[in-house]
Amino acid sequence: MRRIASFTWYLIMLASLALPAAANEVEHVALRAEEAGFLLDADFSFELTPRLQEAVENGVPLYFAVDFELGRRRWYWFDEETASKTLRRRLSYHPLSRQYRVSAGLLHINFDSLREALDAISRVRNWLVVDRTVTFVDDDYQAAVRLRLDTTLLPKPFQVSALTSRDLQLETPWKRFVLHSPAHVPAPVEARKPAASSP
């Protein structure tokens, strides 16, 4: 009886090891035209590995990068890169206050839990990715967005380990979508030519 129970437990353990880890992915993305240009909203789904969670709780800041690319395919030459931008966010933990901090440039917000901090990193709103000064031809454009952990900003020992260890890597696949004929998107009112006055 004990052998059967042990064998059953062994099978359960094997099954749990075979379960896929939580997927890192881009859940939602939207690009819209405003007066300033094209603004991006995106939602990401990701989880820190136990080693990354341990690192941040031991005072190692983690740097996340959201990459955006926009380009146009050309059959006669290399593809055209129209826009390329990266949004960076820094995650850190402060033991004295027992709070997690998410920083973007000079701005920062504190959170009581790691889950709340990661939720803030996973949402991007109103990010200006293409300025109105960019000119388009009458064609469809290919856009792509992803989120990744920037391992180049980790402390040196972690950078070396990240080259071979998946426990120190985090990246969503590129989410690719088509921006149809952006040259036909109406210009903002301030940029339009005044209508000719009738005599």
C-alpha atoms as a PDB file:
ATOM      1  CA  MET A   1       0.000   0.000   0.000  1.00  0.00           C
ATOM      2  CA  ARG A   2       2.834   2.331   0.846  1.00  0.00           C
ATOM      3  CA  ARG A   3       4.473   1.584  -2.509  1.00  0.00           C
ATOM      4  CA  ILE A   4       1.262   2.537  -4.364  1.00  0.00           C
ATOM      5  CA  ALA A   5       0.965   5.761  -2.355  1.00  0.00           C
ATOM      6  CA  SER A   6       4.625   6.592  -3.006  1.00  0.00           C
ATOM      7  CA  PHE A   7       4.256   5.868  -6.721  1.00  0.00           C
ATOM      8  CA  THR A   8       1.109   8.053  -6.883  1.00  0.00           C
ATOM      9  CA  TRP A   9       2.945  10.903  -5.148  1.00  0.00           C
ATOM     10  CA  TYR A  10       5.816  10.481  -7.611  1.00  0.00           C
ATOM     11  CA  LEU A  11       3.426  10.795 -10.570  1.00  0.00           C
ATOM     12  CA  ILE A  12       1.846  13.918  -9.068  1.00  0.00           C
ATOM     13  CA  MET A  13       5.286  15.507  -8.660  1.00  0.00           C
ATOM     14  CA  LEU A  14       6.205  14.707 -12.274  1.00  0.00           C
ATOM     15  CA  ALA A  15       2.929  16.199 -13.506  1.00  0.00           C
ATOM     16  CA  SER A  16       3.488  19.399 -11.539  1.00  0.00           C
ATOM     17  CA  LEU A  17       6.978  19.766 -13.021  1.00  0.00           C
ATOM     18  CA  ALA A  18       5.540  19.352 -16.509  1.00  0.00           C
ATOM     19  CA  LEU A  19       3.002  22.138 -16.061  1.00  0.00           C
ATOM     20  CA  PRO A  20       3.906  25.187 -18.151  1.00  0.00           C
ATOM     21  CA  ALA A  21       5.002  28.326 -16.319  1.00  0.00           C
ATOM     22  CA  ALA A  22       2.812  31.415 -16.399  1.00  0.00           C
ATOM     23  CA  ALA A  23       3.127  32.886 -19.876  1.00  0.00           C
ATOM     24  CA  ASN A  24       4.690  36.296 -20.380  1.00  0.00           C
ATOM     25  CA  GLU A  25       2.667  37.997 -23.099  1.00  0.00           C
ATOM     26  CA  VAL A  26       1.164  41.183 -24.467  1.00  0.00           C
ATOM     27  CA  GLU A  27      -2.520  40.968 -23.566  1.00  0.00           C
ATOM     28  CA  HIS A  28      -3.798  44.129 -25.237  1.00  0.00           C
ATOM     29  CA  VAL A  29      -2.425  46.891 -27.422  1.00  0.00           C
ATOM     30  CA  ALA A  30      -4.058  49.933 -29.020  1.00  0.00           C
ATOM     31  CA  LEU A  31      -2.590  52.756 -31.068  1.00  0.00           C
ATOM     32  CA  ARG A  32      -4.595  55.934 -31.603  1.00  0.00           C
ATOM     33  CA  ALA A  33      -4.072  59.291 -33.267  1.00  0.00           C
ATOM     34  CA  GLU A  34      -4.182  62.434 -31.118  1.00  0.00           C
ATOM     35  CA  GLU A  35      -3.021  66.001 -31.633  1.00  0.00           C
ATOM     36  CA  ALA A  36       0.502  65.204 -30.399  1.00  0.00           C
ATOM     37  CA  GLY A  37       0.833  62.122 -32.593  1.00  0.00           C
ATOM     38  CA  PHE A  38       0.195  58.400 -32.130  1.00  0.00           C
ATOM     39  CA  LEU A  39      -0.335  57.270 -28.542  1.00  0.00           C
ATOM     40  CA  LEU A  40       0.036  53.677 -27.361  1.00  0.00           C
ATOM     41  CA  ASP A  41      -1.905  51.820 -24.663  1.00  0.00           C
ATOM     42  CA  ALA A  42      -0.735  48.319 -23.753  1.00  0.00           C
ATOM     43  CA  ASP A  43      -1.327  45.671 -21.086  1.00  0.00           C
ATOM     44  CA  PHE A  44       1.267  43.004 -20.349  1.00  0.00           C
ATOM     45  CA  SER A  45       1.025  39.768 -18.397  1.00  0.00           C
ATOM     46  CA  PHE A  46       4.206  38.558 -16.697  1.00  0.00           C
ATOM     47  CA  GLU A  47       5.550  37.048 -13.487  1.00  0.00           C
ATOM     48  CA  LEU A  48       8.923  37.390 -11.813  1.00  0.00           C
ATOM     49  CA  THR A  49      10.874  34.191 -11.411  1.00  0.00           C
ATOM     50  CA  PRO A  50      11.618  33.251  -7.770  1.00  0.00           C
ATOM     51  CA  ARG A  51      15.240  34.322  -8.275  1.00  0.00           C
ATOM     52  CA  LEU A  52      14.263  37.755  -9.609  1.00  0.00           C
ATOM     53  CA  GLN A  53      11.804  38.219  -6.756  1.00  0.00           C
ATOM     54  CA  GLU A  54      14.504  37.282  -4.260  1.00  0.00           C
ATOM     55  CA  ALA A  55      16.916  39.701  -5.926  1.00  0.00           C
ATOM     56  CA  VAL A  56      14.583  42.697  -5.734  1.00  0.00           C
ATOM     57  CA  GLU A  57      13.683  41.923  -2.115  1.00  0.00           C
ATOM     58  CA  ASN A  58      17.409  41.888  -1.319  1.00  0.00           C
ATOM     59  CA  GLY A  59      17.878  45.389  -2.696  1.00  0.00           C
ATOM     60  CA  VAL A  60      18.702  44.730  -6.360  1.00  0.00           C
ATOM     61  CA  PRO A  61      16.711  47.118  -8.602  1.00  0.00           C
ATOM     62  CA  LEU A  62      15.133  45.669 -11.728  1.00  0.00           C
ATOM     63  CA  TYR A  63      14.809  47.688 -14.922  1.00  0.00           C
ATOM     64  CA  PHE A  64      11.968  46.957 -17.322  1.00  0.00           C
ATOM     65  CA  ALA A  65      11.849  48.185 -20.913  1.00  0.00           C
ATOM     66  CA  VAL A  66       8.845  48.488 -23.203  1.00  0.00           C
ATOM     67  CA  ASP A  67      10.028  48.510 -26.816  1.00  0.00           C
ATOM     68  CA  PHE A  68       7.984  49.909 -29.692  1.00  0.00           C
ATOM     69  CA  GLU A  69       8.850  49.690 -33.379  1.00  0.00           C
ATOM     70  CA  LEU A  70       7.079  50.964 -36.461  1.00  0.00           C
ATOM     71  CA  GLY A  71       8.212  50.312 -39.986  1.00  0.00           C
ATOM     72  CA  ARG A  72       7.233  49.585 -43.558  1.00  0.00           C
ATOM     73  CA  ARG A  73       8.114  46.617 -45.720  1.00  0.00           C
ATOM     74  CA  ARG A  74       9.839  47.391 -49.024  1.00  0.00           C
ATOM     75  CA  TRP A  75      10.242  44.719 -51.687  1.00  0.00           C
ATOM     76  CA  TYR A  76      13.016  46.608 -53.486  1.00  0.00           C
ATOM     77  CA  TRP A  77      15.223  47.497 -50.485  1.00  0.00           C
ATOM     78  CA  PHE A  78      15.660  46.996 -46.742  1.00  0.00           C
ATOM     79  CA  ASP A  79      12.578  47.549 -44.604  1.00  0.00           C
ATOM     80  CA  GLU A  80      12.067  51.150 -43.520  1.00  0.00           C
ATOM     81  CA  GLU A  81      12.239  51.930 -39.778  1.00  0.00           C
ATOM     82  CA  THR A  82       9.848  54.806 -39.193  1.00  0.00           C
ATOM     83  CA  ALA A  83       9.894  54.987 -35.391  1.00  0.00           C
ATOM     84  CA  SER A  84      11.608  53.180 -32.537  1.00  0.00           C
ATOM     85  CA  LYS A  85      11.141  54.017 -28.854  1.00  0.00           C
ATOM     86  CA  THR A  86      11.830  52.464 -25.450  1.00  0.00           C
ATOM     87  CA  LEU A  87      10.030  53.244 -22.209  1.00  0.00           C
ATOM     88  CA  ARG A  88      11.965  52.329 -19.053  1.00  0.00           C
ATOM     89  CA  ARG A  89      10.672  51.641 -15.553  1.00  0.00           C
ATOM     90  CA  ARG A  90      12.653  50.796 -12.439  1.00  0.00           C
ATOM     91  CA  LEU A  91      11.421  48.476  -9.684  1.00  0.00           C
ATOM     92  CA  SER A  92      13.079  48.635  -6.254  1.00  0.00           C
ATOM     93  CA  TYR A  93      12.332  47.609  -2.678  1.00  0.00           C
ATOM     94  CA  HIS A  94      12.961  49.718   0.439  1.00  0.00           C
ATOM     95  CA  PRO A  95      13.296  47.537   3.559  1.00  0.00           C
ATOM     96  CA  LEU A  96      12.842  50.380   6.062  1.00  0.00           C
ATOM     97  CA  SER A  97       9.442  51.412   4.701  1.00  0.00           C
ATOM     98  CA  ARG A  98       8.668  47.888   3.425  1.00  0.00           C
ATOM     99  CA  GLN A  99       7.444  49.401   0.197  1.00  0.00           C
ATOM    100  CA  TYR A 100       8.093  48.744  -3.456  1.00  0.00           C
ATOM    101  CA  ARG A 101       8.835  51.695  -5.712  1.00  0.00           C
ATOM    102  CA  VAL A 102       8.211  52.014  -9.432  1.00  0.00           C
ATOM    103  CA  SER A 103      10.153  54.864 -11.052  1.00  0.00           C
ATOM    104  CA  ALA A 104       9.923  56.384 -14.522  1.00  0.00           C
ATOM    105  CA  GLY A 105      12.398  59.189 -14.994  1.00  0.00           C
ATOM    106  CA  LEU A 106      12.059  61.584 -12.053  1.00  0.00           C
ATOM    107  CA  LEU A 107       8.591  60.319 -11.138  1.00  0.00           C
ATOM    108  CA  HIS A 108       7.990  57.462  -8.733  1.00  0.00           C
ATOM    109  CA  ILE A 109       5.092  55.759  -6.956  1.00  0.00           C
ATOM    110  CA  ASN A 110       5.273  53.572  -3.837  1.00  0.00           C
ATOM    111  CA  PHE A 111       3.277  50.368  -3.373  1.00  0.00           C
ATOM    112  CA  ASP A 112       2.634  48.185  -0.337  1.00  0.00           C
ATOM    113  CA  SER A 113       2.989  44.907  -2.219  1.00  0.00           C
ATOM    114  CA  LEU A 114       5.025  43.477  -5.060  1.00  0.00           C
ATOM    115  CA  ARG A 115       1.824  42.495  -6.891  1.00  0.00           C
ATOM    116  CA  GLU A 116       0.632  46.125  -6.961  1.00  0.00           C
ATOM    117  CA  ALA A 117       4.019  47.297  -8.241  1.00  0.00           C
ATOM    118  CA  LEU A 118       4.065  44.690 -11.019  1.00  0.00           C
ATOM    119  CA  ASP A 119       0.502  45.602 -12.003  1.00  0.00           C
ATOM    120  CA  ALA A 120       1.633  49.221 -12.436  1.00  0.00           C
ATOM    121  CA  ILE A 121       4.560  48.143 -14.624  1.00  0.00           C
ATOM    122  CA  SER A 122       2.272  45.936 -16.708  1.00  0.00           C
ATOM    123  CA  ARG A 123       0.092  48.880 -17.822  1.00  0.00           C
ATOM    124  CA  VAL A 124       1.181  51.533 -20.314  1.00  0.00           C
ATOM    125  CA  ARG A 125      -1.126  54.426 -21.053  1.00  0.00           C
ATOM    126  CA  ASN A 126      -0.888  57.451 -23.371  1.00  0.00           C
ATOM    127  CA  TRP A 127       2.698  56.791 -24.431  1.00  0.00           C
ATOM    128  CA  LEU A 128       3.633  59.042 -27.345  1.00  0.00           C
ATOM    129  CA  VAL A 129       5.417  56.656 -29.716  1.00  0.00           C
ATOM    130  CA  VAL A 130       5.168  58.559 -33.020  1.00  0.00           C
ATOM    131  CA  ASP A 131       5.385  62.341 -33.170  1.00  0.00           C
ATOM    132  CA  ARG A 132       3.174  64.321 -35.554  1.00  0.00           C
ATOM    133  CA  THR A 133       6.269  65.549 -37.365  1.00  0.00           C
ATOM    134  CA  VAL A 134       6.842  62.034 -38.776  1.00  0.00           C
ATOM    135  CA  THR A 135       5.743  61.795 -42.408  1.00  0.00           C
ATOM    136  CA  PHE A 136       4.119  58.691 -43.896  1.00  0.00           C
ATOM    137  CA  VAL A 137       3.637  57.438 -47.434  1.00  0.00           C
ATOM    138  CA  ASP A 138       0.352  55.952 -48.620  1.00  0.00           C
ATOM    139  CA  ASP A 139       0.961  52.422 -47.384  1.00  0.00           C
ATOM    140  CA  ASP A 140       0.335  50.091 -44.435  1.00  0.00           C
ATOM    141  CA  TYR A 141       2.888  50.040 -41.625  1.00  0.00           C
ATOM    142  CA  GLN A 142       3.944  47.184 -39.351  1.00  0.00           C
ATOM    143  CA  ALA A 143       3.992  47.952 -35.614  1.00  0.00           C
ATOM    144  CA  ALA A 144       5.374  45.817 -32.785  1.00  0.00           C
ATOM    145  CA  VAL A 145       5.588  46.093 -28.994  1.00  0.00           C
ATOM    146  CA  ARG A 146       7.067  43.963 -26.205  1.00  0.00           C
ATOM    147  CA  LEU A 147       8.137  44.146 -22.550  1.00  0.00           C
ATOM    148  CA  ARG A 148      11.462  42.811 -21.284  1.00  0.00           C
ATOM    149  CA  LEU A 149      13.779  42.884 -18.314  1.00  0.00           C
ATOM    150  CA  ASP A 150      16.854  44.939 -19.241  1.00  0.00           C
ATOM    151  CA  THR A 151      19.599  42.640 -17.990  1.00  0.00           C
ATOM    152  CA  THR A 152      22.319  45.088 -19.118  1.00  0.00           C
ATOM    153  CA  LEU A 153      21.405  47.302 -16.147  1.00  0.00           C
ATOM    154  CA  LEU A 154      21.700  44.537 -13.552  1.00  0.00           C
ATOM    155  CA  PRO A 155      24.793  44.412 -11.311  1.00  0.00           C
ATOM    156  CA  LYS A 156      27.755  42.767 -13.083  1.00  0.00           C
ATOM    157  CA  PRO A 157      27.495  39.339 -11.362  1.00  0.00           C
ATOM    158  CA  PHE A 158      23.830  39.136 -12.362  1.00  0.00           C
ATOM    159  CA  GLN A 159      24.620  40.181 -15.937  1.00  0.00           C
ATOM    160  CA  VAL A 160      27.054  37.270 -16.273  1.00  0.00           C
ATOM    161  CA  SER A 161      24.545  34.817 -14.782  1.00  0.00           C
ATOM    162  CA  ALA A 162      21.749  36.130 -17.017  1.00  0.00           C
ATOM    163  CA  LEU A 163      23.667  34.978 -20.102  1.00  0.00           C
ATOM    164  CA  THR A 164      23.025  31.336 -19.208  1.00  0.00           C
ATOM    165  CA  SER A 165      20.267  31.348 -16.581  1.00  0.00           C
ATOM    166  CA  ARG A 166      16.601  31.587 -17.530  1.00  0.00           C
ATOM    167  CA  ASP A 167      15.853  32.499 -13.899  1.00  0.00           C
ATOM    168  CA  LEU A 168      17.260  35.968 -14.584  1.00  0.00           C
ATOM    169  CA  GLN A 169      15.458  36.536 -17.877  1.00  0.00           C
ATOM    170  CA  LEU A 170      12.012  37.933 -18.546  1.00  0.00           C
ATOM    171  CA  GLU A 171      10.596  38.894 -21.915  1.00  0.00           C
ATOM    172  CA  THR A 172       7.277  38.805 -23.723  1.00  0.00           C
ATOM    173  CA  PRO A 173       7.139  37.845 -27.405  1.00  0.00           C
ATOM    174  CA  TRP A 174       6.710  40.733 -29.828  1.00  0.00           C
ATOM    175  CA  LYS A 175       3.070  41.642 -30.406  1.00  0.00           C
ATOM    176  CA  ARG A 176       2.801  42.641 -34.059  1.00  0.00           C
ATOM    177  CA  PHE A 177      -0.080  44.483 -35.710  1.00  0.00           C
ATOM    178  CA  VAL A 178      -0.796  46.587 -38.784  1.00  0.00           C
ATOM    179  CA  LEU A 179      -1.299  50.339 -38.818  1.00  0.00           C
ATOM    180  CA  HIS A 180      -3.425  50.910 -41.915  1.00  0.00           C
ATOM    181  CA  SER A 181      -2.541  53.928 -44.067  1.00  0.00           C
ATOM    182  CA  PRO A 182      -1.488  56.391 -41.323  1.00  0.00           C
ATOM    183  CA  ALA A 183      -0.919  59.007 -44.032  1.00  0.00           C
ATOM    184  CA  HIS A 184      -4.733  59.314 -44.262  1.00  0.00           C
ATOM    185  CA  VAL A 185      -5.218  59.991 -40.547  1.00  0.00           C
ATOM    186  CA  PRO A 186      -6.602  63.559 -40.239  1.00  0.00           C
ATOM    187  CA  ALA A 187      -4.100  66.098 -38.985  1.00  0.00           C
ATOM    188  CA  PRO A 188      -4.909  67.982 -35.770  1.00  0.00           C
ATOM    189  CA  VAL A 189      -6.901  71.172 -36.196  1.00  0.00           C
ATOM    190  CA  GLU A 190      -3.860  73.337 -35.437  1.00  0.00           C
ATOM    191  CA  ALA A 191      -1.911  71.698 -38.292  1.00  0.00           C
ATOM    192  CA  ARG A 192      -4.556  71.911 -40.985  1.00  0.00           C
ATOM    193  CA  LYS A 193      -4.455  74.561 -43.649  1.00  0.00           C
ATOM    194  CA  PRO A 194      -7.191  77.163 -43.259  1.00  0.00           C
ATOM    195  CA  ALA A 195     -10.083  76.787 -45.665  1.00  0.00           C
ATOM    196  CA  ALA A 196     -10.010  79.200 -48.595  1.00  0.00           C
ATOM    197  CA  SER A 197     -12.398  82.092 -47.983  1.00  0.00           C
ATOM    198  CA  SER A 198     -15.017  82.732 -50.605  1.00  0.00           C
ATOM    199  CA  PRO A 199     -14.814  86.081 -52.426  1.00  0.00           C
END
